[in-house]
Amino acid sequence: MKIPFLNSGKSEQAIDPVCRMSVDTGNPVGGASTHAGQVYYFCGPGCRVAFEKDPEGYLSGEKSIEM
């Protein structure tokens, strides 16, 4: 029995809106969140949680986390 990989094929890269790290959209470690119809991908769960608490703060550039 073959076990499929989570990421089959080419993935695109996205920028985590909280820490600005590059994230593999095919297998985002921190998951994804939708805000205002747009999907955002995260490097880790902490960035996703922070974004979900104040998405406008991170999208405006007013807030960020240094990694």
N, C-alpha and C. Protein backbone atom coordinates (compact mmCIF):
# COMPACT_ATOMS: atom_id res chain seq x y z
N MET A 1 0.84 -1.18 0.00
CA MET A 1 0.00 0.00 0.00
C MET A 1 0.88 1.25 0.00
N LYS A 2 0.60 2.15 -0.92
CA LYS A 2 1.35 3.39 -0.99
C LYS A 2 0.68 4.44 -0.12
N ILE A 3 1.50 5.22 0.55
CA ILE A 3 1.00 6.33 1.35
C ILE A 3 1.25 7.60 0.56
N PRO A 4 0.20 8.34 0.23
CA PRO A 4 0.41 9.55 -0.58
C PRO A 4 1.06 10.66 0.24
N PHE A 5 1.87 11.45 -0.44
CA PHE A 5 2.46 12.62 0.18
C PHE A 5 1.42 13.72 0.22
N LEU A 6 1.51 14.59 1.21
CA LEU A 6 0.60 15.72 1.28
C LEU A 6 0.79 16.66 0.10
N ASN A 7 2.02 16.75 -0.36
CA ASN A 7 2.35 17.68 -1.42
C ASN A 7 2.67 16.89 -2.68
N SER A 8 1.72 16.75 -3.56
CA SER A 8 1.97 16.04 -4.81
C SER A 8 2.01 17.06 -5.93
N GLY A 9 3.12 17.14 -6.62
CA GLY A 9 3.26 18.09 -7.69
C GLY A 9 3.94 19.36 -7.21
N LYS A 10 3.95 20.33 -8.10
CA LYS A 10 4.61 21.60 -7.77
C LYS A 10 3.72 22.45 -6.87
N SER A 11 4.35 23.07 -5.92
CA SER A 11 3.65 23.99 -5.03
C SER A 11 4.12 25.40 -5.29
N GLU A 12 3.30 26.31 -4.93
CA GLU A 12 3.68 27.70 -5.01
C GLU A 12 4.12 28.17 -3.64
N GLN A 13 4.78 29.30 -3.63
CA GLN A 13 5.22 29.89 -2.38
C GLN A 13 4.35 31.11 -2.08
N ALA A 14 4.08 31.31 -0.82
CA ALA A 14 3.35 32.49 -0.36
C ALA A 14 4.15 33.11 0.78
N ILE A 15 3.86 34.34 1.09
CA ILE A 15 4.53 35.02 2.20
C ILE A 15 3.59 35.06 3.39
N ASP A 16 4.07 34.56 4.52
CA ASP A 16 3.31 34.61 5.77
C ASP A 16 3.11 36.09 6.11
N PRO A 17 1.86 36.56 6.26
CA PRO A 17 1.63 37.98 6.50
C PRO A 17 2.05 38.46 7.89
N VAL A 18 2.38 37.54 8.78
CA VAL A 18 2.78 37.91 10.14
C VAL A 18 4.29 38.08 10.25
N CYS A 19 5.05 37.07 9.82
CA CYS A 19 6.51 37.11 9.99
C CYS A 19 7.27 37.31 8.69
N ARG A 20 6.55 37.32 7.56
CA ARG A 20 7.11 37.53 6.22
C ARG A 20 7.99 36.38 5.73
N MET A 21 7.89 35.20 6.32
CA MET A 21 8.65 34.04 5.85
C MET A 21 7.95 33.43 4.64
N SER A 22 8.72 32.74 3.80
CA SER A 22 8.17 32.04 2.65
C SER A 22 7.52 30.74 3.12
N VAL A 23 6.34 30.43 2.57
CA VAL A 23 5.56 29.26 2.99
C VAL A 23 5.16 28.46 1.76
N ASP A 24 5.31 27.16 1.82
CA ASP A 24 4.89 26.25 0.76
C ASP A 24 3.37 26.12 0.83
N THR A 25 2.66 26.60 -0.18
CA THR A 25 1.19 26.57 -0.15
C THR A 25 0.62 25.16 -0.26
N GLY A 26 1.42 24.22 -0.73
CA GLY A 26 0.96 22.84 -0.85
C GLY A 26 0.96 22.10 0.47
N ASN A 27 1.75 22.59 1.43
CA ASN A 27 1.85 21.94 2.73
C ASN A 27 2.27 22.97 3.77
N PRO A 28 1.41 23.96 4.05
CA PRO A 28 1.78 25.01 5.00
C PRO A 28 1.78 24.48 6.43
N VAL A 29 2.93 24.53 7.08
CA VAL A 29 3.08 23.98 8.43
C VAL A 29 2.10 24.61 9.41
N GLY A 30 1.88 25.91 9.28
CA GLY A 30 0.98 26.62 10.19
C GLY A 30 -0.47 26.65 9.74
N GLY A 31 -0.75 26.03 8.62
CA GLY A 31 -2.11 26.01 8.11
C GLY A 31 -2.42 27.24 7.29
N ALA A 32 -3.70 27.45 7.06
CA ALA A 32 -4.16 28.57 6.25
C ALA A 32 -5.37 29.20 6.93
N SER A 33 -5.63 30.44 6.58
CA SER A 33 -6.78 31.15 7.11
C SER A 33 -7.32 32.05 6.01
N THR A 34 -8.62 32.19 5.96
CA THR A 34 -9.25 33.05 4.96
C THR A 34 -9.74 34.32 5.62
N HIS A 35 -9.42 35.45 4.98
CA HIS A 35 -9.88 36.75 5.48
C HIS A 35 -10.31 37.57 4.26
N ALA A 36 -11.52 38.09 4.30
CA ALA A 36 -12.06 38.92 3.22
C ALA A 36 -11.95 38.23 1.86
N GLY A 37 -12.18 36.93 1.85
CA GLY A 37 -12.16 36.17 0.60
C GLY A 37 -10.79 35.77 0.09
N GLN A 38 -9.74 36.11 0.81
CA GLN A 38 -8.36 35.80 0.41
C GLN A 38 -7.80 34.74 1.37
N VAL A 39 -7.09 33.75 0.82
CA VAL A 39 -6.47 32.71 1.64
C VAL A 39 -5.03 33.14 1.96
N TYR A 40 -4.66 33.04 3.23
CA TYR A 40 -3.31 33.35 3.70
C TYR A 40 -2.70 32.09 4.30
N TYR A 41 -1.41 31.88 4.07
CA TYR A 41 -0.70 30.70 4.53
C TYR A 41 0.33 31.09 5.58
N PHE A 42 0.60 30.14 6.51
CA PHE A 42 1.44 30.47 7.67
C PHE A 42 2.56 29.47 7.89
N CYS A 43 3.69 30.00 8.39
CA CYS A 43 4.87 29.18 8.66
C CYS A 43 4.68 28.30 9.89
N GLY A 44 3.86 28.73 10.81
CA GLY A 44 3.61 27.97 12.04
C GLY A 44 2.28 28.38 12.65
N PRO A 45 1.78 27.56 13.57
CA PRO A 45 0.48 27.85 14.19
C PRO A 45 0.43 29.19 14.93
N GLY A 46 1.54 29.61 15.52
CA GLY A 46 1.55 30.87 16.26
C GLY A 46 1.26 32.06 15.37
N CYS A 47 1.81 32.05 14.16
CA CYS A 47 1.55 33.14 13.23
C CYS A 47 0.09 33.14 12.79
N ARG A 48 -0.47 31.96 12.57
CA ARG A 48 -1.88 31.88 12.17
C ARG A 48 -2.79 32.41 13.27
N VAL A 49 -2.52 32.04 14.51
CA VAL A 49 -3.34 32.50 15.64
C VAL A 49 -3.23 34.02 15.78
N ALA A 50 -2.01 34.55 15.68
CA ALA A 50 -1.82 36.01 15.79
C ALA A 50 -2.59 36.73 14.67
N PHE A 51 -2.51 36.20 13.46
CA PHE A 51 -3.21 36.81 12.33
C PHE A 51 -4.72 36.79 12.54
N GLU A 52 -5.25 35.68 13.01
CA GLU A 52 -6.69 35.55 13.19
C GLU A 52 -7.21 36.50 14.28
N LYS A 53 -6.36 36.89 15.22
CA LYS A 53 -6.76 37.85 16.25
C LYS A 53 -6.83 39.28 15.72
N ASP A 54 -5.97 39.63 14.74
CA ASP A 54 -5.93 40.99 14.21
C ASP A 54 -5.44 40.99 12.76
N PRO A 55 -6.24 40.46 11.84
CA PRO A 55 -5.78 40.38 10.44
C PRO A 55 -5.46 41.74 9.83
N GLU A 56 -6.27 42.74 10.11
CA GLU A 56 -6.04 44.06 9.51
C GLU A 56 -4.73 44.68 9.99
N GLY A 57 -4.36 44.43 11.24
CA GLY A 57 -3.10 44.94 11.76
C GLY A 57 -1.90 44.40 11.00
N TYR A 58 -1.93 43.11 10.67
CA TYR A 58 -0.82 42.49 9.95
C TYR A 58 -0.86 42.83 8.47
N LEU A 59 -2.03 42.89 7.88
CA LEU A 59 -2.13 43.19 6.45
C LEU A 59 -1.76 44.64 6.15
N SER A 60 -2.01 45.54 7.08
CA SER A 60 -1.68 46.95 6.89
C SER A 60 -0.19 47.22 7.10
N GLY A 61 0.51 46.27 7.73
CA GLY A 61 1.92 46.47 8.05
C GLY A 61 2.13 47.12 9.40
N GLU A 62 1.03 47.47 10.06
CA GLU A 62 1.10 48.09 11.38
C GLU A 62 1.73 47.15 12.39
N LYS A 63 1.46 45.86 12.25
CA LYS A 63 2.02 44.84 13.16
C LYS A 63 2.87 43.87 12.35
N SER A 64 3.87 43.31 13.00
CA SER A 64 4.66 42.23 12.43
C SER A 64 5.42 41.54 13.56
N ILE A 65 5.89 40.35 13.27
CA ILE A 65 6.68 39.60 14.24
C ILE A 65 8.02 39.31 13.58
N GLU A 66 9.10 39.61 14.26
CA GLU A 66 10.45 39.32 13.76
C GLU A 66 10.80 37.89 14.08
N MET A 67 11.27 37.17 13.10
CA MET A 67 11.67 35.77 13.31
C MET A 67 13.18 35.67 13.26
